[in-house]
Amino acid sequence: MDSTGNTTPDDVEKLAEMPHLAEALEAEQFRQFLDHIPFGVCVSSLDGDELIIFANPVFERLVGLEAAKLQGQGWHAITSEIAHQSDGRPLSVAVIGDEEYLGRFTARVGEQAASIDAWSNRILDDADKPVYRLVALSEVIESDRDERAALAQELLDKDTLLKELQHRVKNNLQMVTALIRLEARNTQKQVVPEQFERLAGRVDALALLYRSLSEDEKGETVDLGVYISQIASAVMAAHATEGIRLNLKVDAWPVSINAAMPAGLVVNELMTNALKHAFIGRESGEIAVESIVDETGCTVTVADNGIGLQPGTVWPKPGKLSALIVKSLEQNVKAKVVMETASQEGVRVRLFFARDLAMNA
């Protein structure tokens, strides 16, 4: 019997395979045992005409007939309207087939309709001759059935989600590996702490992404506005500089992980660069981060009012990590990336990706 109290196939098999069950059925003590088990049992003799010789109280209740009226009768004596839920066979016909598990039937138990699972097993003697047929009935409690169905679906959904997450994590860890290798390649003989701080920031950005993905009920998309807000706050906390404030403006918008990941990494890179280099020689400044959505798609902007880049400076610089990240964004969602800068007027980078590509990347 399972945790909900319903009969399982093992229960019926154990009963049918008990040593010397054929002889045990002749004993009054064993019949009393059958009277108290929590599922219906009916036994017919296969010696000559197949006639019912025993039915316990649960079987009586489920078929709506007293044992006294069944004994000495064939299975046709079960006149109740108990029909197979798939093919409509009456229980009285189904029990004499070759199947062991007969399936699920609909019956009336008192005033209510009920679902009943039915099994039929032939019992052999020591010479392997069929001597009895044992039929077992178990009422399916509707609430338990619904709970089991809901649990089964939940487990299926979680298993599917887990496989999808594993697939995505595997793919995206390839980018993490590339980031680390490129970082190590760019590191000279002397260890530069700033590079490891940057690497830590990138890993933190990915950790925020996976946390957002696991907490999202849908599990397949990430709210880009929330994700970028979390990254911006984390970067400000990690590289807090007195006098530098954050101006944050984002719209809620679900996107695929393949759009969110590189977009978040780009925001992380740009903000880190700004906090390290944009305000040298200044006592104050502002970094503006926006993720604005309209009917065409989303524009992510990171801008500062710092000193700007030197003339001839290229961003992202080929061979650097930022170039790899931007390339990933361009490949994943066909993003358009535009950088603007002027001396003493700061840097502004805009990322744009279309609505359908961001959702389905």
Protein backbone atom coordinates (compact mmCIF):
# COMPACT_ATOMS: atom_id res chain seq x y z
CA MET A 1 0.00 0.00 0.00
CA ASP A 2 1.32 3.45 -0.85
CA SER A 3 1.65 6.49 1.43
CA THR A 4 -1.89 7.62 0.60
CA GLY A 5 -3.42 4.32 1.73
CA ASN A 6 -4.27 3.06 -1.75
CA THR A 7 -3.62 -0.50 -2.84
CA THR A 8 -0.62 -1.07 -5.09
CA PRO A 9 0.15 -3.91 -7.54
CA ASP A 10 2.65 -5.27 -5.01
CA ASP A 11 -0.14 -5.71 -2.43
CA VAL A 12 -2.12 -7.91 -4.79
CA GLU A 13 0.92 -9.88 -5.96
CA LYS A 14 1.99 -10.57 -2.37
CA LEU A 15 -1.49 -11.84 -1.53
CA ALA A 16 -1.66 -14.05 -4.64
CA GLU A 17 1.83 -15.46 -4.07
CA MET A 18 1.47 -16.37 -0.39
CA PRO A 19 2.68 -19.93 0.25
CA HIS A 20 -0.14 -22.47 -0.05
CA LEU A 21 -2.76 -19.80 -0.57
CA ALA A 22 -5.00 -22.38 -2.21
CA GLU A 23 -5.07 -24.36 1.04
CA ALA A 24 -5.23 -21.21 3.16
CA LEU A 25 -8.50 -20.19 1.51
CA GLU A 26 -10.07 -23.28 3.07
CA ALA A 27 -9.22 -22.09 6.60
CA GLU A 28 -11.67 -19.94 8.55
CA GLN A 29 -8.80 -18.06 10.21
CA PHE A 30 -7.43 -16.95 6.84
CA ARG A 31 -10.87 -15.86 5.68
CA GLN A 32 -11.10 -13.69 8.78
CA PHE A 33 -7.78 -12.16 7.82
CA LEU A 34 -9.17 -11.32 4.36
CA ASP A 35 -12.21 -9.76 5.99
CA HIS A 36 -10.01 -7.12 7.62
CA ILE A 37 -7.63 -6.11 4.85
CA PRO A 38 -8.31 -2.59 3.52
CA PHE A 39 -9.14 -3.51 -0.08
CA GLY A 40 -11.81 -5.64 -1.69
CA VAL A 41 -11.10 -9.33 -2.29
CA CYS A 42 -13.27 -11.85 -4.11
CA VAL A 43 -12.27 -15.43 -4.95
CA SER A 44 -13.77 -17.84 -7.44
CA SER A 45 -13.03 -21.53 -7.86
CA LEU A 46 -11.68 -22.68 -11.22
CA ASP A 47 -12.70 -26.29 -10.60
CA GLY A 48 -15.49 -26.84 -13.13
CA ASP A 49 -17.78 -23.86 -13.47
CA GLU A 50 -16.12 -20.69 -12.24
CA LEU A 51 -18.18 -19.83 -9.18
CA ILE A 52 -17.53 -17.27 -6.47
CA ILE A 53 -16.68 -18.80 -3.11
CA PHE A 54 -15.65 -15.79 -1.06
CA ALA A 55 -16.01 -11.99 -0.94
CA ASN A 56 -14.83 -9.77 1.90
CA PRO A 57 -16.77 -6.76 3.29
CA VAL A 58 -14.84 -4.15 1.28
CA PHE A 59 -15.63 -6.01 -1.94
CA GLU A 60 -19.31 -6.15 -0.92
CA ARG A 61 -19.33 -2.39 -0.38
CA LEU A 62 -17.61 -1.54 -3.66
CA VAL A 63 -19.90 -3.70 -5.83
CA GLY A 64 -23.01 -3.02 -3.79
CA LEU A 65 -23.86 -6.72 -3.22
CA GLU A 66 -23.70 -8.93 -0.14
CA ALA A 67 -21.30 -11.86 -0.14
CA ALA A 68 -24.19 -14.25 0.48
CA LYS A 69 -25.74 -13.25 -2.86
CA LEU A 70 -22.43 -13.66 -4.70
CA GLN A 71 -21.36 -17.03 -3.32
CA GLY A 72 -22.13 -19.91 -5.62
CA GLN A 73 -22.69 -17.54 -8.55
CA GLY A 74 -20.53 -16.73 -11.56
CA TRP A 75 -19.00 -13.31 -12.10
CA HIS A 76 -22.16 -12.34 -13.98
CA ALA A 77 -23.76 -11.98 -10.55
CA ILE A 78 -22.02 -8.61 -10.29
CA THR A 79 -24.88 -6.69 -11.83
CA SER A 80 -23.72 -3.26 -10.62
CA GLU A 81 -22.88 -0.71 -13.30
CA ILE A 82 -19.12 -0.88 -12.86
CA ALA A 83 -17.52 0.01 -16.19
CA HIS A 84 -13.93 0.33 -17.38
CA GLN A 85 -13.03 3.98 -17.79
CA SER A 86 -11.26 3.43 -21.12
CA ASP A 87 -13.20 0.77 -23.03
CA GLY A 88 -16.48 0.54 -21.11
CA ARG A 89 -16.21 -3.19 -20.29
CA PRO A 90 -18.30 -4.30 -17.31
CA LEU A 91 -16.27 -5.54 -14.36
CA SER A 92 -18.06 -8.93 -14.61
CA VAL A 93 -16.62 -9.38 -18.10
CA ALA A 94 -13.16 -7.92 -17.46
CA VAL A 95 -12.31 -10.21 -14.53
CA ILE A 96 -12.29 -13.39 -16.64
CA GLY A 97 -9.81 -12.11 -19.20
CA ASP A 98 -6.09 -12.85 -19.30
CA GLU A 99 -5.01 -9.50 -17.83
CA GLU A 100 -3.61 -9.21 -14.35
CA TYR A 101 -4.18 -5.50 -13.88
CA LEU A 102 -7.63 -4.82 -15.27
CA GLY A 103 -7.44 -1.06 -15.03
CA ARG A 104 -9.56 1.70 -13.56
CA PHE A 105 -13.33 1.44 -13.35
CA THR A 106 -16.15 3.80 -12.46
CA ALA A 107 -18.70 2.59 -9.93
CA ARG A 108 -21.26 3.99 -7.55
CA VAL A 109 -20.43 3.67 -3.88
CA GLY A 110 -23.48 4.74 -1.93
CA GLU A 111 -24.61 8.07 -3.33
CA GLN A 112 -21.29 8.92 -4.94
CA ALA A 113 -19.49 7.88 -8.12
CA ALA A 114 -16.10 6.36 -7.37
CA SER A 115 -12.98 5.30 -9.24
CA ILE A 116 -11.81 1.76 -8.55
CA ASP A 117 -8.58 0.01 -9.51
CA ALA A 118 -9.03 -3.71 -10.24
CA TRP A 119 -6.64 -6.66 -10.42
CA SER A 120 -7.27 -10.30 -11.38
CA ASN A 121 -4.82 -13.10 -10.53
CA ARG A 122 -5.12 -16.84 -11.05
CA ILE A 123 -3.81 -18.92 -8.15
CA LEU A 124 -1.95 -22.12 -9.02
CA ASP A 125 -1.52 -25.28 -6.96
CA ASP A 126 1.77 -27.14 -6.54
CA ALA A 127 1.27 -28.77 -9.93
CA ASP A 128 0.84 -25.34 -11.56
CA LYS A 129 -2.82 -26.00 -12.18
CA PRO A 130 -5.10 -22.94 -11.88
CA VAL A 131 -7.41 -23.54 -8.93
CA TYR A 132 -8.67 -20.10 -7.90
CA ARG A 133 -9.10 -16.61 -9.31
CA LEU A 134 -8.48 -13.74 -6.92
CA VAL A 135 -9.96 -10.36 -7.83
CA ALA A 136 -8.90 -7.29 -5.85
CA LEU A 137 -10.59 -3.89 -5.88
CA SER A 138 -9.21 -0.67 -4.41
CA GLU A 139 -11.12 2.60 -4.25
CA VAL A 140 -9.14 5.59 -5.49
CA ILE A 141 -9.61 8.51 -3.13
CA GLU A 142 -10.21 11.54 -5.34
CA SER A 143 -8.28 14.02 -3.21
CA ASP A 144 -5.32 11.68 -3.04
CA ARG A 145 -5.48 11.08 -6.76
CA ASP A 146 -5.53 14.81 -7.46
CA GLU A 147 -2.64 15.38 -5.10
CA ARG A 148 -0.63 12.58 -6.71
CA ALA A 149 -1.38 13.90 -10.19
CA ALA A 150 -0.33 17.40 -9.14
CA LEU A 151 2.82 16.04 -7.51
CA ALA A 152 3.66 13.97 -10.59
CA GLN A 153 3.23 17.02 -12.83
CA GLU A 154 5.31 19.16 -10.48
CA LEU A 155 8.11 16.60 -10.49
CA LEU A 156 7.93 16.38 -14.28
CA ASP A 157 8.08 20.18 -14.59
CA LYS A 158 11.02 20.41 -12.20
CA ASP A 159 12.86 17.61 -13.98
CA THR A 160 12.35 19.35 -17.33
CA LEU A 161 13.47 22.68 -15.85
CA LEU A 162 16.51 21.09 -14.22
CA LYS A 163 17.60 19.55 -17.53
CA GLU A 164 17.15 22.89 -19.27
CA LEU A 165 19.09 24.71 -16.55
CA GLN A 166 21.87 22.15 -16.70
CA HIS A 167 22.08 22.63 -20.46
CA ARG A 168 22.20 26.39 -20.16
CA VAL A 169 24.66 26.39 -17.27
CA LYS A 170 26.94 24.08 -19.24
CA ASN A 171 26.89 26.41 -22.25
CA ASN A 172 27.39 29.55 -20.21
CA LEU A 173 30.18 28.07 -18.12
CA GLN A 174 32.11 27.89 -21.37
CA MET A 175 32.00 31.68 -21.38
CA VAL A 176 33.13 31.77 -17.73
CA THR A 177 36.07 29.56 -18.66
CA ALA A 178 36.94 31.83 -21.58
CA LEU A 179 36.77 34.86 -19.32
CA ILE A 180 39.19 33.34 -16.83
CA ARG A 181 41.61 32.15 -19.52
CA LEU A 182 41.68 35.52 -21.25
CA GLU A 183 42.18 37.22 -17.90
CA ALA A 184 45.10 34.92 -17.09
CA ARG A 185 46.59 35.50 -20.56
CA ASN A 186 46.44 39.25 -20.09
CA THR A 187 48.06 39.02 -16.64
CA GLN A 188 51.81 39.48 -16.78
CA LYS A 189 54.33 37.97 -14.41
CA GLN A 190 53.26 40.20 -11.57
CA VAL A 191 49.78 39.67 -10.20
CA VAL A 192 47.59 42.74 -10.52
CA PRO A 193 44.85 42.74 -7.81
CA GLU A 194 42.54 44.92 -9.92
CA GLN A 195 42.24 42.19 -12.54
CA PHE A 196 41.07 39.69 -9.96
CA GLU A 197 38.59 42.24 -8.64
CA ARG A 198 37.18 42.55 -12.13
CA LEU A 199 36.98 38.79 -12.50
CA ALA A 200 35.19 38.57 -9.18
CA GLY A 201 32.72 41.18 -10.38
CA ARG A 202 31.98 39.17 -13.50
CA VAL A 203 31.44 36.00 -11.52
CA ASP A 204 29.15 37.91 -9.15
CA ALA A 205 27.13 39.10 -12.15
CA LEU A 206 26.67 35.52 -13.31
CA ALA A 207 25.77 34.42 -9.78
CA LEU A 208 23.06 37.09 -9.66
CA LEU A 209 21.76 35.80 -12.99
CA TYR A 210 21.44 32.20 -11.86
CA ARG A 211 19.87 33.26 -8.59
CA SER A 212 17.30 35.29 -10.51
CA LEU A 213 16.65 32.36 -12.82
CA SER A 214 16.14 29.88 -9.98
CA GLU A 215 13.83 32.24 -8.07
CA ASP A 216 11.72 33.05 -11.14
CA GLU A 217 8.54 30.95 -11.11
CA LYS A 218 8.71 30.53 -14.88
CA GLY A 219 12.32 29.49 -14.69
CA GLU A 220 12.95 30.24 -18.37
CA THR A 221 13.31 34.02 -18.43
CA VAL A 222 14.95 36.73 -16.35
CA ASP A 223 13.54 40.18 -15.68
CA LEU A 224 16.22 42.30 -17.31
CA GLY A 225 15.28 45.44 -15.39
CA VAL A 226 15.57 43.70 -12.02
CA TYR A 227 18.78 41.95 -13.04
CA ILE A 228 20.49 45.15 -14.20
CA SER A 229 19.37 46.92 -11.01
CA GLN A 230 20.98 44.15 -8.94
CA ILE A 231 24.22 44.37 -10.91
CA ALA A 232 24.36 48.16 -10.66
CA SER A 233 23.82 48.02 -6.89
CA ALA A 234 26.44 45.29 -6.48
CA VAL A 235 29.06 47.22 -8.49
CA MET A 236 28.43 50.42 -6.52
CA ALA A 237 28.75 48.49 -3.26
CA ALA A 238 31.98 46.76 -4.35
CA HIS A 239 33.66 49.91 -5.70
CA ALA A 240 32.06 52.58 -3.57
CA THR A 241 33.60 55.97 -4.26
CA GLU A 242 32.71 59.04 -2.25
CA GLY A 243 30.87 61.65 -4.27
CA ILE A 244 29.85 59.30 -7.09
CA ARG A 245 26.13 58.67 -7.29
CA LEU A 246 24.05 56.21 -9.29
CA ASN A 247 21.04 57.30 -11.34
CA LEU A 248 19.06 54.15 -12.09
CA LYS A 249 16.01 53.84 -14.33
CA VAL A 250 14.73 50.47 -15.53
CA ASP A 251 11.59 48.89 -16.96
CA ALA A 252 10.52 45.37 -16.06
CA TRP A 253 10.99 43.11 -19.06
CA PRO A 254 11.47 39.31 -19.25
CA VAL A 255 14.25 38.15 -21.56
CA SER A 256 16.02 34.87 -22.20
CA ILE A 257 19.14 34.00 -20.25
CA ASN A 258 21.15 34.29 -23.48
CA ALA A 259 20.20 37.96 -23.68
CA ALA A 260 20.43 38.74 -19.96
CA MET A 261 23.85 37.26 -19.33
CA PRO A 262 25.98 39.28 -21.77
CA ALA A 263 23.90 42.43 -21.21
CA GLY A 264 24.53 42.18 -17.48
CA LEU A 265 28.24 41.58 -18.01
CA VAL A 266 28.48 44.64 -20.27
CA VAL A 267 26.81 46.80 -17.61
CA ASN A 268 29.21 45.38 -15.03
CA GLU A 269 32.24 46.19 -17.23
CA LEU A 270 31.15 49.72 -18.08
CA MET A 271 30.27 50.66 -14.51
CA THR A 272 33.52 49.22 -13.18
CA ASN A 273 35.50 51.18 -15.80
CA ALA A 274 33.65 54.37 -14.92
CA LEU A 275 34.21 54.03 -11.19
CA LYS A 276 37.91 53.31 -11.71
CA HIS A 277 38.79 55.85 -14.39
CA ALA A 278 36.03 58.31 -15.30
CA PHE A 279 36.30 60.63 -12.33
CA ILE A 280 40.05 60.93 -11.81
CA GLY A 281 40.75 64.42 -10.44
CA ARG A 282 37.09 65.06 -9.68
CA GLU A 283 35.32 65.10 -6.34
CA SER A 284 31.91 64.08 -7.63
CA GLY A 285 30.17 62.53 -10.59
CA GLU A 286 27.23 60.50 -11.78
CA ILE A 287 26.74 57.16 -13.48
CA ALA A 288 23.38 56.69 -15.20
CA VAL A 289 22.11 53.16 -15.91
CA GLU A 290 18.92 52.67 -17.88
CA SER A 291 17.02 49.74 -19.33
CA ILE A 292 14.10 51.21 -21.27
CA VAL A 293 11.56 49.12 -23.16
CA ASP A 294 9.25 50.13 -25.99
CA GLU A 295 7.27 48.32 -28.69
CA THR A 296 10.42 47.58 -30.71
CA GLY A 297 12.69 46.28 -28.00
CA CYS A 298 15.00 47.37 -25.21
CA THR A 299 17.76 49.95 -24.97
CA VAL A 300 20.29 49.51 -22.18
CA THR A 301 22.41 52.61 -21.54
CA VAL A 302 25.38 53.12 -19.27
CA ALA A 303 26.67 56.71 -19.19
CA ASP A 304 28.93 58.80 -17.00
CA ASN A 305 29.74 62.51 -16.87
CA GLY A 306 33.43 61.95 -16.30
CA ILE A 307 36.56 62.94 -18.18
CA GLY A 308 35.84 60.82 -21.27
CA LEU A 309 38.18 58.58 -23.24
CA GLN A 310 41.40 59.74 -24.82
CA PRO A 311 41.21 60.50 -28.57
CA GLY A 312 41.67 57.35 -30.63
CA THR A 313 40.62 55.02 -27.81
CA VAL A 314 38.62 52.04 -29.04
CA TRP A 315 35.99 50.30 -26.95
CA PRO A 316 35.71 47.41 -26.73
CA LYS A 317 39.40 46.79 -27.42
CA PRO A 318 40.00 43.69 -29.54
CA GLY A 319 41.43 40.79 -27.55
CA LYS A 320 40.10 42.08 -24.25
CA LEU A 321 37.34 40.54 -22.19
CA SER A 322 34.92 43.35 -22.95
CA ALA A 323 35.20 42.55 -26.66
CA LEU A 324 34.33 38.91 -26.02
CA ILE A 325 31.28 39.90 -23.97
CA VAL A 326 30.03 42.40 -26.55
CA LYS A 327 30.54 39.83 -29.30
CA SER A 328 28.45 37.35 -27.32
CA LEU A 329 25.66 39.91 -27.00
CA GLU A 330 25.78 40.63 -30.73
CA GLN A 331 25.67 36.93 -31.57
CA ASN A 332 23.00 35.92 -29.07
CA VAL A 333 20.44 38.64 -29.76
CA LYS A 334 21.81 40.55 -32.76
CA ALA A 335 22.38 43.54 -30.48
CA LYS A 336 23.50 46.90 -31.77
CA VAL A 337 26.21 48.46 -29.62
CA VAL A 338 27.10 52.17 -29.93
CA MET A 339 29.73 54.03 -27.91
CA GLU A 340 29.99 57.83 -27.70
CA THR A 341 32.61 59.85 -25.86
CA ALA A 342 34.05 63.36 -25.73
CA SER A 343 36.80 64.94 -23.67
CA GLN A 344 35.47 66.10 -20.31
CA GLU A 345 31.96 65.00 -21.31
CA GLY A 346 32.05 61.36 -20.29
CA VAL A 347 31.23 58.09 -22.01
CA ARG A 348 27.86 56.78 -23.17
CA VAL A 349 27.27 53.21 -24.39
CA ARG A 350 23.93 52.05 -25.75
CA LEU A 351 22.87 48.45 -26.34
CA PHE A 352 19.73 47.75 -28.31
CA PHE A 353 18.10 44.39 -28.98
CA ALA A 354 14.76 43.63 -30.57
CA ARG A 355 11.85 42.31 -28.54
CA ASP A 356 11.40 38.93 -30.26
CA LEU A 357 15.13 38.13 -30.32
CA ALA A 358 15.58 38.95 -26.65
CA MET A 359 12.74 36.61 -25.67
CA ASN A 360 13.68 33.69 -27.89
CA ALA A 361 17.47 33.76 -28.03
